[in-house]
Amino acid sequence: MINFTNKRLQLVYSAIPKGIERPVTAKEIKLKTGIPTRDVYSCINLLVTKYAVPIGGLRQEGKHGYFIATSKDELAEAITPLESHTRHMNERLTALKQIDI
């Protein structure tokens, strides 16, 4: 168990399950911790980018939410949807830049 000096980070971290089997949604984290959803997203971002916690998100049929990856395979499951989303966002950005108004 990692201990954070920031209480919100600790609460969010503690609310996210280890392993991909039972991911938890941001709304569920909000209900469990009392932290507003927007702040839950910010905490998750900080946990990944500043503290290197391998938090992944699933967007599969019947299985969606956040989890802490416990293996390279689970980490790959976390990376795939982010790469896809990034690719689509880059396509949209390129298209917007080419629009002449």
C-alpha atoms as a PDB file:
ATOM      1  CA  MET A   1       0.000   0.000   0.000  1.00  0.00           C
ATOM      2  CA  ILE A   2       1.355   3.392  -1.003  1.00  0.00           C
ATOM      3  CA  ASN A   3       0.789   6.240   1.443  1.00  0.00           C
ATOM      4  CA  PHE A   4       0.297   9.769   0.145  1.00  0.00           C
ATOM      5  CA  THR A   5       0.481  12.921   2.252  1.00  0.00           C
ATOM      6  CA  ASN A   6      -2.414  14.347   0.228  1.00  0.00           C
ATOM      7  CA  LYS A   7      -5.614  12.914   1.732  1.00  0.00           C
ATOM      8  CA  ARG A   8      -7.589  13.100  -1.530  1.00  0.00           C
ATOM      9  CA  LEU A   9      -4.920  11.204  -3.447  1.00  0.00           C
ATOM     10  CA  GLN A  10      -4.892   8.566  -0.723  1.00  0.00           C
ATOM     11  CA  LEU A  11      -8.687   8.210  -0.788  1.00  0.00           C
ATOM     12  CA  VAL A  12      -8.830   7.889  -4.577  1.00  0.00           C
ATOM     13  CA  TYR A  13      -5.890   5.471  -4.645  1.00  0.00           C
ATOM     14  CA  SER A  14      -7.524   3.325  -1.958  1.00  0.00           C
ATOM     15  CA  ALA A  15     -10.826   3.251  -3.871  1.00  0.00           C
ATOM     16  CA  ILE A  16      -9.295   1.825  -7.064  1.00  0.00           C
ATOM     17  CA  PRO A  17      -9.045  -1.972  -7.093  1.00  0.00           C
ATOM     18  CA  LYS A  18      -5.850  -3.811  -7.924  1.00  0.00           C
ATOM     19  CA  GLY A  19      -6.327  -5.964 -11.000  1.00  0.00           C
ATOM     20  CA  ILE A  20      -8.554  -5.706 -14.033  1.00  0.00           C
ATOM     21  CA  GLU A  21     -11.331  -8.032 -12.860  1.00  0.00           C
ATOM     22  CA  ARG A  22     -13.526  -5.466 -11.092  1.00  0.00           C
ATOM     23  CA  PRO A  23     -12.854  -1.929 -12.343  1.00  0.00           C
ATOM     24  CA  VAL A  24     -14.571   0.973 -10.593  1.00  0.00           C
ATOM     25  CA  THR A  25     -16.078   4.050 -12.261  1.00  0.00           C
ATOM     26  CA  ALA A  26     -15.279   7.654 -11.359  1.00  0.00           C
ATOM     27  CA  LYS A  27     -18.854   7.978 -10.110  1.00  0.00           C
ATOM     28  CA  GLU A  28     -18.348   4.992  -7.799  1.00  0.00           C
ATOM     29  CA  ILE A  29     -15.113   6.536  -6.515  1.00  0.00           C
ATOM     30  CA  LYS A  30     -17.007   9.789  -5.914  1.00  0.00           C
ATOM     31  CA  LEU A  31     -19.726   7.998  -3.958  1.00  0.00           C
ATOM     32  CA  LYS A  32     -17.191   6.047  -1.901  1.00  0.00           C
ATOM     33  CA  THR A  33     -14.897   8.990  -1.111  1.00  0.00           C
ATOM     34  CA  GLY A  34     -17.131  12.066  -1.268  1.00  0.00           C
ATOM     35  CA  ILE A  35     -14.672  13.673  -3.674  1.00  0.00           C
ATOM     36  CA  PRO A  36     -16.322  15.474  -6.635  1.00  0.00           C
ATOM     37  CA  THR A  37     -16.030  13.610  -9.945  1.00  0.00           C
ATOM     38  CA  ARG A  38     -13.915  16.327 -11.580  1.00  0.00           C
ATOM     39  CA  ASP A  39     -11.447  16.089  -8.697  1.00  0.00           C
ATOM     40  CA  VAL A  40     -11.445  12.283  -8.957  1.00  0.00           C
ATOM     41  CA  TYR A  41     -10.253  12.642 -12.569  1.00  0.00           C
ATOM     42  CA  SER A  42      -7.565  15.118 -11.474  1.00  0.00           C
ATOM     43  CA  CYS A  43      -6.372  12.787  -8.725  1.00  0.00           C
ATOM     44  CA  ILE A  44      -6.192   9.846 -11.131  1.00  0.00           C
ATOM     45  CA  ASN A  45      -4.164  11.962 -13.548  1.00  0.00           C
ATOM     46  CA  LEU A  46      -1.754  12.977 -10.765  1.00  0.00           C
ATOM     47  CA  LEU A  47      -1.430   9.416  -9.500  1.00  0.00           C
ATOM     48  CA  VAL A  48      -0.399   8.266 -12.984  1.00  0.00           C
ATOM     49  CA  THR A  49       1.758  11.199 -14.109  1.00  0.00           C
ATOM     50  CA  LYS A  50       3.447  12.263 -10.862  1.00  0.00           C
ATOM     51  CA  TYR A  51       3.472   9.091  -8.767  1.00  0.00           C
ATOM     52  CA  ALA A  52       3.730   6.450 -11.541  1.00  0.00           C
ATOM     53  CA  VAL A  53       0.728   4.462 -10.307  1.00  0.00           C
ATOM     54  CA  PRO A  54      -0.292   2.186 -13.222  1.00  0.00           C
ATOM     55  CA  ILE A  55      -3.987   3.130 -13.272  1.00  0.00           C
ATOM     56  CA  GLY A  56      -5.809   1.962 -16.358  1.00  0.00           C
ATOM     57  CA  GLY A  57      -9.282   2.538 -17.641  1.00  0.00           C
ATOM     58  CA  LEU A  58     -11.494   0.050 -19.424  1.00  0.00           C
ATOM     59  CA  ARG A  59     -14.120   0.937 -22.002  1.00  0.00           C
ATOM     60  CA  GLN A  60     -15.331  -2.513 -22.954  1.00  0.00           C
ATOM     61  CA  GLU A  61     -18.849  -3.849 -23.295  1.00  0.00           C
ATOM     62  CA  GLY A  62     -20.035  -4.715 -19.794  1.00  0.00           C
ATOM     63  CA  LYS A  63     -16.727  -3.779 -18.172  1.00  0.00           C
ATOM     64  CA  HIS A  64     -15.706  -0.185 -17.674  1.00  0.00           C
ATOM     65  CA  GLY A  65     -13.920   1.809 -15.034  1.00  0.00           C
ATOM     66  CA  TYR A  66     -10.516   2.220 -13.419  1.00  0.00           C
ATOM     67  CA  PHE A  67      -8.135  -0.388 -12.049  1.00  0.00           C
ATOM     68  CA  ILE A  68      -4.515  -0.605 -10.926  1.00  0.00           C
ATOM     69  CA  ALA A  69      -2.595  -2.791 -13.347  1.00  0.00           C
ATOM     70  CA  THR A  70      -0.805  -5.691 -11.691  1.00  0.00           C
ATOM     71  CA  SER A  71       0.862  -7.190 -14.776  1.00  0.00           C
ATOM     72  CA  LYS A  72       2.285  -6.182 -18.142  1.00  0.00           C
ATOM     73  CA  ASP A  73      -0.826  -7.606 -19.826  1.00  0.00           C
ATOM     74  CA  GLU A  74      -3.097  -5.439 -17.698  1.00  0.00           C
ATOM     75  CA  LEU A  75      -0.920  -2.414 -18.401  1.00  0.00           C
ATOM     76  CA  ALA A  76      -1.259  -3.126 -22.134  1.00  0.00           C
ATOM     77  CA  GLU A  77      -5.054  -3.242 -21.650  1.00  0.00           C
ATOM     78  CA  ALA A  78      -4.795   0.214 -20.078  1.00  0.00           C
ATOM     79  CA  ILE A  79      -2.647   1.659 -22.864  1.00  0.00           C
ATOM     80  CA  THR A  80      -4.652   0.440 -25.877  1.00  0.00           C
ATOM     81  CA  PRO A  81      -7.777   2.617 -25.408  1.00  0.00           C
ATOM     82  CA  LEU A  82      -5.620   5.671 -24.656  1.00  0.00           C
ATOM     83  CA  GLU A  83      -3.673   5.194 -27.875  1.00  0.00           C
ATOM     84  CA  SER A  84      -6.910   4.848 -29.830  1.00  0.00           C
ATOM     85  CA  HIS A  85      -8.404   7.957 -28.217  1.00  0.00           C
ATOM     86  CA  THR A  86      -5.208   9.926 -28.864  1.00  0.00           C
ATOM     87  CA  ARG A  87      -5.222   8.885 -32.520  1.00  0.00           C
ATOM     88  CA  HIS A  88      -8.835  10.066 -32.938  1.00  0.00           C
ATOM     89  CA  MET A  89      -8.122  13.350 -31.156  1.00  0.00           C
ATOM     90  CA  ASN A  90      -5.106  13.980 -33.399  1.00  0.00           C
ATOM     91  CA  GLU A  91      -7.244  13.338 -36.487  1.00  0.00           C
ATOM     92  CA  ARG A  92      -9.821  15.828 -35.230  1.00  0.00           C
ATOM     93  CA  LEU A  93      -7.129  18.389 -34.395  1.00  0.00           C
ATOM     94  CA  THR A  94      -5.603  18.065 -37.862  1.00  0.00           C
ATOM     95  CA  ALA A  95      -9.024  18.471 -39.502  1.00  0.00           C
ATOM     96  CA  LEU A  96      -9.818  21.567 -37.431  1.00  0.00           C
ATOM     97  CA  LYS A  97      -6.484  23.160 -38.297  1.00  0.00           C
ATOM     98  CA  GLN A  98      -7.222  22.701 -42.002  1.00  0.00           C
ATOM     99  CA  ILE A  99     -10.640  24.381 -41.923  1.00  0.00           C
ATOM    100  CA  ASP A 100     -10.569  27.782 -43.570  1.00  0.00           C
ATOM    101  CA  ILE A 101     -13.014  30.233 -42.050  1.00  0.00           C
END
